[in-house]
């Protein structure tokens, strides 16, 4: 396990230009983690939708189309 205080001391000893590179790398790692979480959520949701029963959606669509045909709703 990495000790954070060791890392902090190493960064403090670096010249500013190298510390900026470390900051850029930290930002990259945080962004990567954020993208992985989003991708994981999207993947789970897509899987749930693929496995769900489309009957409810289709029956609702049929009802909507019938309402359109009768002029009860307007498609904009």
N, C-alpha and C. Protein backbone atom coordinates (compact mmCIF):
# COMPACT_ATOMS: atom_id res chain seq x y z
N UNK A 1 0.83 -1.18 0.00
CA UNK A 1 0.00 0.00 0.00
C UNK A 1 0.88 1.25 0.00
N UNK A 2 0.50 2.22 -0.80
CA UNK A 2 1.29 3.44 -0.93
C UNK A 2 0.93 4.41 0.19
N UNK A 3 1.96 4.98 0.78
CA UNK A 3 1.72 5.96 1.83
C UNK A 3 1.56 7.34 1.20
N UNK A 4 0.44 7.98 1.46
CA UNK A 4 0.15 9.29 0.86
C UNK A 4 1.14 10.36 1.32
N UNK A 5 1.55 10.28 2.58
CA UNK A 5 2.49 11.29 3.07
C UNK A 5 3.82 11.22 2.33
N UNK A 6 4.24 10.02 1.94
CA UNK A 6 5.46 9.85 1.14
C UNK A 6 5.30 10.54 -0.22
N UNK A 7 4.14 10.35 -0.83
CA UNK A 7 3.87 10.96 -2.13
C UNK A 7 3.86 12.47 -2.01
N UNK A 8 3.21 12.99 -0.97
CA UNK A 8 3.14 14.43 -0.76
C UNK A 8 4.54 15.01 -0.61
N UNK A 9 5.39 14.36 0.16
CA UNK A 9 6.76 14.85 0.35
C UNK A 9 7.53 14.84 -0.97
N UNK A 10 7.35 13.81 -1.77
CA UNK A 10 8.03 13.74 -3.08
C UNK A 10 7.57 14.89 -3.97
N UNK A 11 6.25 15.18 -3.96
CA UNK A 11 5.72 16.26 -4.79
C UNK A 11 6.24 17.61 -4.29
N UNK A 12 6.30 17.80 -2.99
CA UNK A 12 6.80 19.06 -2.43
C UNK A 12 8.25 19.32 -2.85
N UNK A 13 9.02 18.27 -3.02
CA UNK A 13 10.43 18.41 -3.37
C UNK A 13 10.64 18.65 -4.87
N UNK A 14 9.62 18.49 -5.67
CA UNK A 14 9.74 18.63 -7.13
C UNK A 14 9.77 20.09 -7.55
N UNK A 15 10.43 20.35 -8.66
CA UNK A 15 10.32 21.69 -9.25
C UNK A 15 8.89 21.89 -9.75
N UNK A 16 8.48 23.15 -9.88
CA UNK A 16 7.10 23.46 -10.27
C UNK A 16 6.67 22.81 -11.58
N UNK A 17 7.56 22.77 -12.57
CA UNK A 17 7.16 22.19 -13.86
C UNK A 17 6.84 20.71 -13.73
N UNK A 18 7.60 19.98 -12.91
CA UNK A 18 7.29 18.57 -12.70
C UNK A 18 6.02 18.40 -11.87
N UNK A 19 5.81 19.27 -10.90
CA UNK A 19 4.60 19.21 -10.08
C UNK A 19 3.37 19.44 -10.95
N UNK A 20 3.48 20.32 -11.96
CA UNK A 20 2.36 20.53 -12.88
C UNK A 20 2.06 19.26 -13.67
N UNK A 21 3.12 18.54 -14.07
CA UNK A 21 2.91 17.27 -14.77
C UNK A 21 2.21 16.25 -13.87
N UNK A 22 2.58 16.22 -12.61
CA UNK A 22 1.94 15.32 -11.66
C UNK A 22 0.46 15.70 -11.52
N UNK A 23 0.19 17.00 -11.44
CA UNK A 23 -1.19 17.47 -11.35
C UNK A 23 -1.99 17.06 -12.58
N UNK A 24 -1.38 17.20 -13.76
CA UNK A 24 -2.05 16.77 -14.99
C UNK A 24 -2.35 15.28 -14.96
N UNK A 25 -1.41 14.49 -14.45
CA UNK A 25 -1.62 13.05 -14.37
C UNK A 25 -2.72 12.71 -13.38
N UNK A 26 -2.75 13.41 -12.25
CA UNK A 26 -3.81 13.20 -11.26
C UNK A 26 -5.16 13.52 -11.88
N UNK A 27 -5.24 14.65 -12.61
CA UNK A 27 -6.49 15.01 -13.29
C UNK A 27 -6.90 13.93 -14.28
N UNK A 28 -5.93 13.39 -15.02
CA UNK A 28 -6.20 12.31 -15.96
C UNK A 28 -6.78 11.09 -15.23
N UNK A 29 -6.18 10.71 -14.11
CA UNK A 29 -6.65 9.54 -13.36
C UNK A 29 -8.06 9.76 -12.82
N UNK A 30 -8.32 10.97 -12.32
CA UNK A 30 -9.67 11.27 -11.81
C UNK A 30 -10.70 11.22 -12.93
N UNK A 31 -10.35 11.78 -14.08
CA UNK A 31 -11.25 11.77 -15.22
C UNK A 31 -11.48 10.35 -15.71
N UNK A 32 -10.44 9.55 -15.72
CA UNK A 32 -10.56 8.14 -16.13
C UNK A 32 -11.51 7.40 -15.20
N UNK A 33 -11.38 7.60 -13.92
CA UNK A 33 -12.26 6.95 -12.93
C UNK A 33 -13.70 7.38 -13.14
N UNK A 34 -13.89 8.70 -13.39
CA UNK A 34 -15.23 9.24 -13.61
C UNK A 34 -15.85 8.61 -14.87
N UNK A 35 -15.06 8.50 -15.96
CA UNK A 35 -15.56 7.90 -17.19
C UNK A 35 -15.91 6.42 -16.98
N UNK A 36 -15.08 5.72 -16.21
CA UNK A 36 -15.35 4.30 -15.94
C UNK A 36 -16.66 4.13 -15.17
N UNK A 37 -16.92 5.01 -14.21
CA UNK A 37 -18.18 4.95 -13.45
C UNK A 37 -19.37 5.21 -14.36
N UNK A 38 -19.23 6.22 -15.21
CA UNK A 38 -20.32 6.55 -16.15
C UNK A 38 -20.54 5.38 -17.10
N UNK A 39 -19.47 4.83 -17.65
CA UNK A 39 -19.59 3.72 -18.59
C UNK A 39 -20.25 2.52 -17.90
N UNK A 40 -19.85 2.26 -16.68
CA UNK A 40 -20.43 1.14 -15.94
C UNK A 40 -21.93 1.34 -15.75
N UNK A 41 -22.33 2.56 -15.40
CA UNK A 41 -23.75 2.87 -15.21
C UNK A 41 -24.51 2.71 -16.52
N UNK A 42 -23.96 3.24 -17.60
CA UNK A 42 -24.61 3.16 -18.90
C UNK A 42 -24.71 1.69 -19.35
N UNK A 43 -23.65 0.94 -19.12
CA UNK A 43 -23.66 -0.48 -19.49
C UNK A 43 -24.73 -1.24 -18.72
N UNK A 44 -24.85 -0.98 -17.42
CA UNK A 44 -25.88 -1.64 -16.61
C UNK A 44 -27.28 -1.26 -17.07
N UNK A 45 -27.48 0.03 -17.37
CA UNK A 45 -28.79 0.50 -17.81
C UNK A 45 -29.15 -0.10 -19.17
N UNK A 46 -28.17 -0.17 -20.07
CA UNK A 46 -28.42 -0.76 -21.39
C UNK A 46 -28.78 -2.24 -21.24
N UNK A 47 -28.10 -2.92 -20.38
CA UNK A 47 -28.38 -4.33 -20.14
C UNK A 47 -29.80 -4.50 -19.59
N UNK A 48 -30.17 -3.62 -18.64
CA UNK A 48 -31.51 -3.69 -18.06
C UNK A 48 -32.57 -3.45 -19.14
N UNK A 49 -32.33 -2.48 -20.00
CA UNK A 49 -33.30 -2.19 -21.05
C UNK A 49 -33.41 -3.34 -22.05
N UNK A 50 -32.29 -3.96 -22.38
CA UNK A 50 -32.32 -5.07 -23.32
C UNK A 50 -33.09 -6.25 -22.75
N UNK A 51 -32.98 -6.43 -21.44
CA UNK A 51 -33.65 -7.55 -20.80
C UNK A 51 -35.10 -7.26 -20.43
N UNK A 52 -35.48 -5.99 -20.47
CA UNK A 52 -36.84 -5.65 -20.06
C UNK A 52 -37.85 -6.07 -21.11
N UNK A 53 -39.07 -6.18 -20.68
CA UNK A 53 -40.16 -6.56 -21.57
C UNK A 53 -40.61 -5.33 -22.34
N UNK A 54 -40.57 -5.39 -23.64
CA UNK A 54 -40.94 -4.26 -24.48
C UNK A 54 -42.45 -4.17 -24.70
N UNK A 55 -43.21 -5.10 -24.14
CA UNK A 55 -44.65 -5.13 -24.34
C UNK A 55 -45.31 -3.84 -23.84
N UNK A 56 -44.90 -3.35 -22.68
CA UNK A 56 -45.48 -2.12 -22.15
C UNK A 56 -45.22 -0.95 -23.09
N UNK A 57 -44.02 -0.86 -23.59
CA UNK A 57 -43.68 0.22 -24.51
C UNK A 57 -44.51 0.11 -25.78
N UNK A 58 -44.58 -1.09 -26.33
CA UNK A 58 -45.31 -1.28 -27.59
C UNK A 58 -46.80 -1.02 -27.42
N UNK A 59 -47.38 -1.47 -26.32
CA UNK A 59 -48.81 -1.23 -26.12
C UNK A 59 -49.07 0.26 -25.94
N UNK A 60 -48.19 0.96 -25.26
CA UNK A 60 -48.32 2.41 -25.11
C UNK A 60 -48.19 3.11 -26.45
N UNK A 61 -47.32 2.61 -27.29
CA UNK A 61 -47.15 3.18 -28.62
C UNK A 61 -48.40 2.99 -29.47
N UNK A 62 -49.01 1.82 -29.37
CA UNK A 62 -50.24 1.55 -30.11
C UNK A 62 -51.34 2.50 -29.66
N UNK A 63 -51.48 2.69 -28.36
CA UNK A 63 -52.49 3.60 -27.82
C UNK A 63 -52.23 5.01 -28.33
N UNK A 64 -51.00 5.45 -28.32
CA UNK A 64 -50.64 6.77 -28.79
C UNK A 64 -50.97 6.93 -30.27
N UNK A 65 -50.64 5.93 -31.07
CA UNK A 65 -50.94 5.99 -32.50
C UNK A 65 -52.45 6.05 -32.76
N UNK A 66 -53.21 5.31 -31.96
CA UNK A 66 -54.66 5.36 -32.10
C UNK A 66 -55.20 6.74 -31.74
N UNK A 67 -54.65 7.35 -30.70
CA UNK A 67 -55.06 8.70 -30.32
C UNK A 67 -54.69 9.70 -31.41
N UNK A 68 -53.54 9.52 -32.02
CA UNK A 68 -53.15 10.38 -33.14
C UNK A 68 -54.15 10.26 -34.29
N UNK A 69 -54.52 9.01 -34.61
CA UNK A 69 -55.44 8.75 -35.72
C UNK A 69 -56.81 9.39 -35.45
N UNK A 70 -57.25 9.41 -34.19
CA UNK A 70 -58.53 10.00 -33.85
C UNK A 70 -58.46 11.52 -33.69
N UNK A 71 -57.26 12.07 -33.75
CA UNK A 71 -57.09 13.51 -33.60
C UNK A 71 -57.11 13.98 -32.18
N UNK A 72 -56.96 13.06 -31.22
CA UNK A 72 -57.00 13.43 -29.80
C UNK A 72 -55.69 14.07 -29.33
N UNK A 73 -54.62 13.75 -30.01
CA UNK A 73 -53.33 14.36 -29.71
C UNK A 73 -52.72 14.83 -31.02
N UNK A 74 -51.77 15.75 -30.92
CA UNK A 74 -51.12 16.29 -32.08
C UNK A 74 -49.64 16.00 -32.00
N UNK A 75 -49.08 15.58 -33.10
CA UNK A 75 -47.65 15.31 -33.16
C UNK A 75 -46.94 16.57 -33.60
N UNK A 76 -46.06 17.08 -32.77
CA UNK A 76 -45.38 18.34 -33.09
C UNK A 76 -43.93 18.10 -33.37
